[in-house]
Amino acid sequence: MRVLIPEQLSDPRSQAAAPVDVHAHYAAGWADRTGMRVNFISSADGGATAGGLSRGLQTPGDNAVFAALRDLADVIVVGAATAQAEGYRPASPSPERTQIRQRYGFQPAPAIAVLSSSLNLNLDSELYRRARPDAPTMIITGSAAPISARNDVIDLAGSDAAVQLLEAPADGNGGVDLAAAIRHLLDIGYRRILCEGGPRLFGSAVAAGVVTELCLSISPMLVGPGAPRIVAGEQWEGEQPTLTLAGLLSEDDALFCRYLVGSAVGKHP
C-alpha cells in the first residue's frame, strides 16, 4: 500500500518501499476528536454492491482499511437491513488489534448500534444473542416503534446478553431522528462513531448534518447497470455538502479516499 496524500516523502521509490501504518493514517486528526465517519466501498462505475453484497467489491487493501476504521471507533452504527444482509456479529478484535485500540485511547472492543424504526429484527442472530458487556449491541429506535416489538427487545435486554434499547424521537415520517440519536451516543460517551451504512442511513446522516468524514474505497471493478449507489433515500434540499480530500492510499489499483465533509444539507419534509 502507498500513501499518495498527504505527501510524506519526496522520493517515490522510498515511499513505495516504506510500510504504511494504516491505523496512523486514519487516526491522524480523528482519534483526539468527536464526530462520525462513514465507511463505504464502491466500484469504479459507482456501484455499492457486486452480487448484492458490498463484500463482492472488497480487496485485501479494503479489508485492511475496514479493520483499521473499526479499530478507531468507540461504536459502529449500522442500519438494521445492512446488519442482517451482511451477517453482523459482535466485534471481537484480535489481541494485536486490541493493543492498537488501547494505544489510541479506545476500549478493547467497539460497541455496535443498530438503527431500526420498525424493530423488525432477528433477535436470535449472533449480533444480539452473543453480545457481551465489553462489546454491547445497542438497538436505537424511534418513539413511534411498535410497542410489542419494543417489549421483545426489552425482554432480551433483561437476559444475560448485553443488549440495550435506546429511544430517540421519531422524525416526521415515523422513523428515527438521526441527529438526536447521534447526540445521544455522544452524550453517553461514544465520541468517535463509525457508520457502515447502508445507503439510506448514509443519505439520512448527511441530510441531518452529522457526518464528519467519508472514508470511501474505490474498487477497480465495473459492475454495470442496476447496482445501487452508496447513498439512497429522500432528495436533499439546500446547500450541497462539500468534500475535501484529506488522505489517499492506493494498493492493487484500488483507491482509499478519506474525505472531510463540509456544509450540511437539509432534507425535504
Protein backbone atom coordinates (compact mmCIF):
# COMPACT_ATOMS: atom_id res chain seq x y z
CA MET A 1 0.00 0.00 0.00
CA ARG A 2 1.21 3.53 -0.87
CA VAL A 3 0.38 6.89 0.66
CA LEU A 4 -0.50 9.39 -2.08
CA ILE A 5 -1.97 12.12 0.15
CA PRO A 6 -0.60 13.60 2.33
CA GLU A 7 2.81 13.52 0.67
CA GLN A 8 5.33 12.31 3.22
CA LEU A 9 8.48 11.58 1.24
CA SER A 10 9.98 13.32 -1.74
CA ASP A 11 11.38 10.12 -3.24
CA PRO A 12 8.51 7.93 -4.56
CA ARG A 13 10.79 4.88 -4.54
CA SER A 14 11.44 5.33 -0.82
CA GLN A 15 7.75 5.87 -0.16
CA ALA A 16 6.78 2.71 -2.03
CA ALA A 17 9.27 0.68 -0.02
CA ALA A 18 8.21 2.04 3.37
CA PRO A 19 5.43 0.11 5.13
CA VAL A 20 2.24 2.11 5.57
CA ASP A 21 0.75 2.36 9.06
CA VAL A 22 -2.92 2.31 8.08
CA HIS A 23 -4.04 2.94 11.65
CA ALA A 24 -1.85 6.03 11.96
CA HIS A 25 -3.11 7.30 8.60
CA TYR A 26 -6.75 7.16 9.71
CA ALA A 27 -6.10 8.14 13.34
CA ALA A 28 -4.47 11.47 12.45
CA GLY A 29 -6.95 14.26 13.22
CA TRP A 30 -9.56 11.71 14.33
CA ALA A 31 -8.56 9.82 17.47
CA ASP A 32 -8.49 13.00 19.56
CA ARG A 33 -11.76 14.49 18.34
CA THR A 34 -15.51 13.88 18.32
CA GLY A 35 -17.56 13.03 15.25
CA MET A 36 -18.97 10.42 12.90
CA ARG A 37 -17.15 8.99 9.92
CA VAL A 38 -18.86 6.84 7.30
CA ASN A 39 -17.18 3.92 5.55
CA PHE A 40 -18.26 2.70 2.11
CA ILE A 41 -16.88 0.85 -0.86
CA SER A 42 -17.95 1.35 -4.45
CA SER A 43 -16.94 0.12 -7.87
CA ALA A 44 -15.24 2.46 -10.31
CA ASP A 45 -18.61 2.95 -12.04
CA GLY A 46 -20.38 3.87 -8.79
CA GLY A 47 -21.97 0.58 -7.74
CA ALA A 48 -22.27 -0.07 -4.00
CA THR A 49 -22.54 -3.86 -4.36
CA ALA A 50 -21.49 -6.75 -6.56
CA GLY A 51 -23.71 -9.79 -6.44
CA GLY A 52 -25.96 -7.98 -3.98
CA LEU A 53 -23.33 -7.54 -1.25
CA SER A 54 -20.60 -4.99 -0.58
CA ARG A 55 -18.14 -7.81 0.08
CA GLY A 56 -18.25 -8.58 -3.63
CA LEU A 57 -16.22 -5.40 -4.17
CA GLN A 58 -13.66 -5.93 -1.43
CA THR A 59 -9.90 -6.15 -1.94
CA PRO A 60 -7.19 -7.03 0.60
CA GLY A 61 -6.46 -3.32 0.95
CA ASP A 62 -10.11 -2.53 1.63
CA ASN A 63 -10.20 -5.24 4.28
CA ALA A 64 -7.19 -3.62 5.97
CA VAL A 65 -8.85 -0.19 5.89
CA PHE A 66 -12.15 -1.65 7.12
CA ALA A 67 -10.39 -3.23 10.09
CA ALA A 68 -8.42 -0.07 10.91
CA LEU A 69 -11.55 2.09 10.87
CA ARG A 70 -13.25 -0.33 13.25
CA ASP A 71 -10.19 -0.27 15.49
CA LEU A 72 -10.52 3.52 15.67
CA ALA A 73 -14.18 3.63 16.70
CA ASP A 74 -15.98 3.67 20.03
CA VAL A 75 -19.17 2.44 18.37
CA ILE A 76 -20.15 1.10 14.95
CA VAL A 77 -23.52 2.35 13.69
CA VAL A 78 -25.37 0.35 11.06
CA GLY A 79 -28.87 0.11 9.65
CA ALA A 80 -30.85 -2.99 10.57
CA ALA A 81 -31.19 -4.18 6.95
CA THR A 82 -27.44 -3.92 6.35
CA ALA A 83 -26.66 -5.69 9.63
CA GLN A 84 -28.89 -8.60 8.61
CA ALA A 85 -27.74 -8.80 4.99
CA GLU A 86 -24.03 -8.67 5.88
CA GLY A 87 -24.31 -11.07 8.84
CA TYR A 88 -23.09 -8.72 11.56
CA ARG A 89 -21.78 -10.13 14.82
CA PRO A 90 -20.39 -8.51 17.98
CA ALA A 91 -16.92 -7.12 17.41
CA SER A 92 -14.11 -9.34 18.66
CA PRO A 93 -10.72 -7.78 17.86
CA SER A 94 -7.59 -9.94 17.97
CA PRO A 95 -5.12 -9.34 20.82
CA GLU A 96 -2.92 -7.35 18.42
CA ARG A 97 -5.80 -5.14 17.34
CA THR A 98 -6.94 -4.74 20.93
CA GLN A 99 -3.49 -3.38 21.80
CA ILE A 100 -3.73 -0.95 18.89
CA ARG A 101 -7.13 0.24 20.10
CA GLN A 102 -5.83 0.82 23.60
CA ARG A 103 -2.77 2.63 22.25
CA TYR A 104 -5.10 5.18 20.65
CA GLY A 105 -7.27 5.50 23.75
CA PHE A 106 -10.14 3.18 22.85
CA GLN A 107 -11.81 0.44 24.86
CA PRO A 108 -10.80 -3.15 23.98
CA ALA A 109 -13.78 -3.65 21.63
CA PRO A 110 -16.29 -1.32 19.97
CA ALA A 111 -20.00 -1.41 20.64
CA ILE A 112 -22.44 -1.87 17.76
CA ALA A 113 -25.53 0.30 17.41
CA VAL A 114 -28.31 -0.91 15.10
CA LEU A 115 -30.84 1.66 13.88
CA SER A 116 -34.34 0.37 13.29
CA SER A 117 -37.61 2.28 13.22
CA SER A 118 -39.74 -0.87 12.88
CA LEU A 119 -37.75 -3.14 15.25
CA ASN A 120 -38.35 -5.94 12.76
CA LEU A 121 -35.18 -7.71 13.87
CA ASN A 122 -33.96 -11.29 14.07
CA LEU A 123 -33.20 -11.26 17.79
CA ASP A 124 -31.90 -14.83 17.58
CA SER A 125 -28.93 -13.78 15.45
CA GLU A 126 -25.41 -13.70 16.89
CA LEU A 127 -25.37 -9.92 16.89
CA TYR A 128 -27.89 -9.92 19.73
CA ARG A 129 -27.54 -13.32 21.38
CA ARG A 130 -23.75 -13.14 21.63
CA ALA A 131 -23.42 -9.51 22.66
CA ARG A 132 -21.02 -9.02 25.57
CA PRO A 133 -20.71 -6.34 28.26
CA ASP A 134 -17.38 -5.27 26.72
CA ALA A 135 -18.92 -5.18 23.21
CA PRO A 136 -22.63 -4.43 23.67
CA THR A 137 -25.22 -4.31 20.93
CA MET A 138 -27.42 -1.22 21.19
CA ILE A 139 -30.71 -1.03 19.32
CA ILE A 140 -31.71 2.55 18.54
CA THR A 141 -35.31 3.12 17.58
CA GLY A 142 -37.76 5.99 17.37
CA SER A 143 -40.60 6.81 19.71
CA ALA A 144 -43.09 5.55 17.09
CA ALA A 145 -41.73 1.97 17.15
CA PRO A 146 -44.34 -0.77 17.77
CA ILE A 147 -44.78 -1.44 21.48
CA SER A 148 -44.86 -5.23 21.07
CA ALA A 149 -41.54 -5.22 19.20
CA ARG A 150 -40.06 -2.86 21.79
CA ASN A 151 -41.11 -5.27 24.54
CA ASP A 152 -39.35 -8.14 22.75
CA VAL A 153 -36.11 -6.15 22.80
CA ILE A 154 -36.61 -5.21 26.44
CA ASP A 155 -37.10 -8.90 27.30
CA LEU A 156 -33.83 -9.77 25.56
CA ALA A 157 -32.03 -6.87 27.21
CA GLY A 158 -33.10 -8.24 30.57
CA SER A 159 -31.31 -11.54 29.91
CA ASP A 160 -27.59 -12.28 30.10
CA ALA A 161 -26.99 -10.75 26.67
CA ALA A 162 -25.52 -7.24 26.73
CA VAL A 163 -28.27 -5.71 24.62
CA GLN A 164 -29.53 -2.19 25.22
CA LEU A 165 -32.56 -0.37 23.83
CA LEU A 166 -32.08 3.33 23.18
CA GLU A 167 -35.00 5.50 22.13
CA ALA A 168 -34.73 8.67 20.06
CA PRO A 169 -37.55 10.95 18.98
CA ALA A 170 -39.38 9.99 15.82
CA ASP A 171 -38.75 12.04 12.69
CA GLY A 172 -41.52 13.47 10.52
CA ASN A 173 -42.01 10.14 8.75
CA GLY A 174 -42.16 7.99 11.89
CA GLY A 175 -38.54 6.89 11.61
CA VAL A 176 -35.61 7.63 13.89
CA ASP A 177 -34.50 11.24 14.40
CA LEU A 178 -30.92 10.53 13.41
CA ALA A 179 -29.43 13.77 14.70
CA ALA A 180 -30.97 13.11 18.12
CA ALA A 181 -29.74 9.51 18.08
CA ILE A 182 -26.17 10.56 17.33
CA ARG A 183 -26.29 13.25 20.04
CA HIS A 184 -27.41 10.58 22.50
CA LEU A 185 -24.48 8.33 21.59
CA LEU A 186 -22.11 11.26 22.10
CA ASP A 187 -23.75 12.14 25.42
CA ILE A 188 -23.21 8.62 26.81
CA GLY A 189 -19.54 8.61 25.89
CA TYR A 190 -19.30 7.23 22.34
CA ARG A 191 -17.30 10.15 20.91
CA ARG A 192 -15.84 8.56 17.79
CA ILE A 193 -18.58 6.97 15.74
CA LEU A 194 -18.13 4.80 12.66
CA CYS A 195 -21.16 4.37 10.39
CA GLU A 196 -21.08 1.42 7.99
CA GLY A 197 -24.34 2.12 6.18
CA GLY A 198 -26.44 1.23 4.40
CA PRO A 199 -27.16 3.77 1.68
CA ARG A 200 -30.42 5.07 3.19
CA LEU A 201 -28.75 5.60 6.55
CA PHE A 202 -25.88 7.45 4.85
CA GLY A 203 -28.33 9.68 2.99
CA SER A 204 -30.21 10.45 6.20
CA ALA A 205 -26.98 11.11 8.10
CA VAL A 206 -25.76 13.62 5.53
CA ALA A 207 -29.17 15.29 5.50
CA ALA A 208 -29.07 15.51 9.30
CA GLY A 209 -25.65 17.17 9.19
CA VAL A 210 -23.95 14.59 11.43
CA VAL A 211 -21.29 13.21 9.05
CA THR A 212 -17.74 14.39 9.75
CA GLU A 213 -15.81 12.16 7.33
CA LEU A 214 -16.43 9.87 4.38
CA CYS A 215 -13.93 7.04 4.00
CA LEU A 216 -14.53 5.66 0.51
CA SER A 217 -12.77 2.68 -1.04
CA ILE A 218 -12.94 2.63 -4.84
CA SER A 219 -12.61 -0.92 -6.13
CA PRO A 220 -11.05 -1.44 -9.59
CA MET A 221 -14.19 -3.12 -10.89
CA LEU A 222 -17.07 -2.34 -13.22
CA VAL A 223 -20.36 -3.85 -12.05
CA GLY A 224 -22.59 -2.41 -14.75
CA PRO A 225 -26.17 -1.10 -14.60
CA GLY A 226 -28.53 -1.96 -11.79
CA ALA A 227 -26.26 -1.81 -8.77
CA PRO A 228 -27.34 0.62 -6.01
CA ARG A 229 -25.31 3.69 -5.13
CA ILE A 230 -23.75 4.32 -1.73
CA VAL A 231 -26.47 6.90 -0.97
CA ALA A 232 -30.25 6.47 -1.14
CA GLY A 233 -33.40 7.91 0.35
CA GLU A 234 -35.14 11.27 0.02
CA GLN A 235 -33.80 14.15 -2.01
CA TRP A 236 -31.70 16.74 -0.18
CA GLU A 237 -32.50 20.40 -0.29
CA GLY A 238 -30.38 23.44 0.38
CA GLU A 239 -26.63 23.66 0.02
CA GLN A 240 -24.92 20.50 -1.16
CA PRO A 241 -22.17 19.16 1.11
CA THR A 242 -18.60 19.72 0.01
CA LEU A 243 -15.78 17.19 0.32
CA THR A 244 -12.10 17.88 0.99
CA LEU A 245 -9.65 15.09 0.18
CA ALA A 246 -7.57 14.72 3.33
CA GLY A 247 -5.98 11.33 2.65
CA LEU A 248 -5.45 8.90 -0.22
CA LEU A 249 -3.96 5.41 -0.22
CA SER A 250 -3.51 3.03 -3.14
CA GLU A 251 -2.98 -0.71 -3.46
CA ASP A 252 -3.61 -3.18 -6.29
CA ASP A 253 -5.23 -0.46 -8.43
CA ALA A 254 -7.77 0.35 -5.68
CA LEU A 255 -8.01 3.79 -4.09
CA PHE A 256 -8.80 4.52 -0.45
CA CYS A 257 -10.08 8.06 -0.02
CA ARG A 258 -10.52 9.98 3.19
CA TYR A 259 -12.81 13.00 2.72
CA LEU A 260 -13.71 15.67 5.25
CA VAL A 261 -17.39 16.57 4.88
CA GLY A 262 -18.25 20.26 4.63
CA SER A 263 -21.58 22.04 4.96
CA ALA A 264 -24.67 20.03 5.80
CA VAL A 265 -27.78 19.87 3.66
CA GLY A 266 -31.43 19.92 4.54
CA LYS A 267 -33.88 17.14 3.89
CA HIS A 268 -37.21 17.60 2.16
CA PRO A 269 -40.07 17.38 4.64
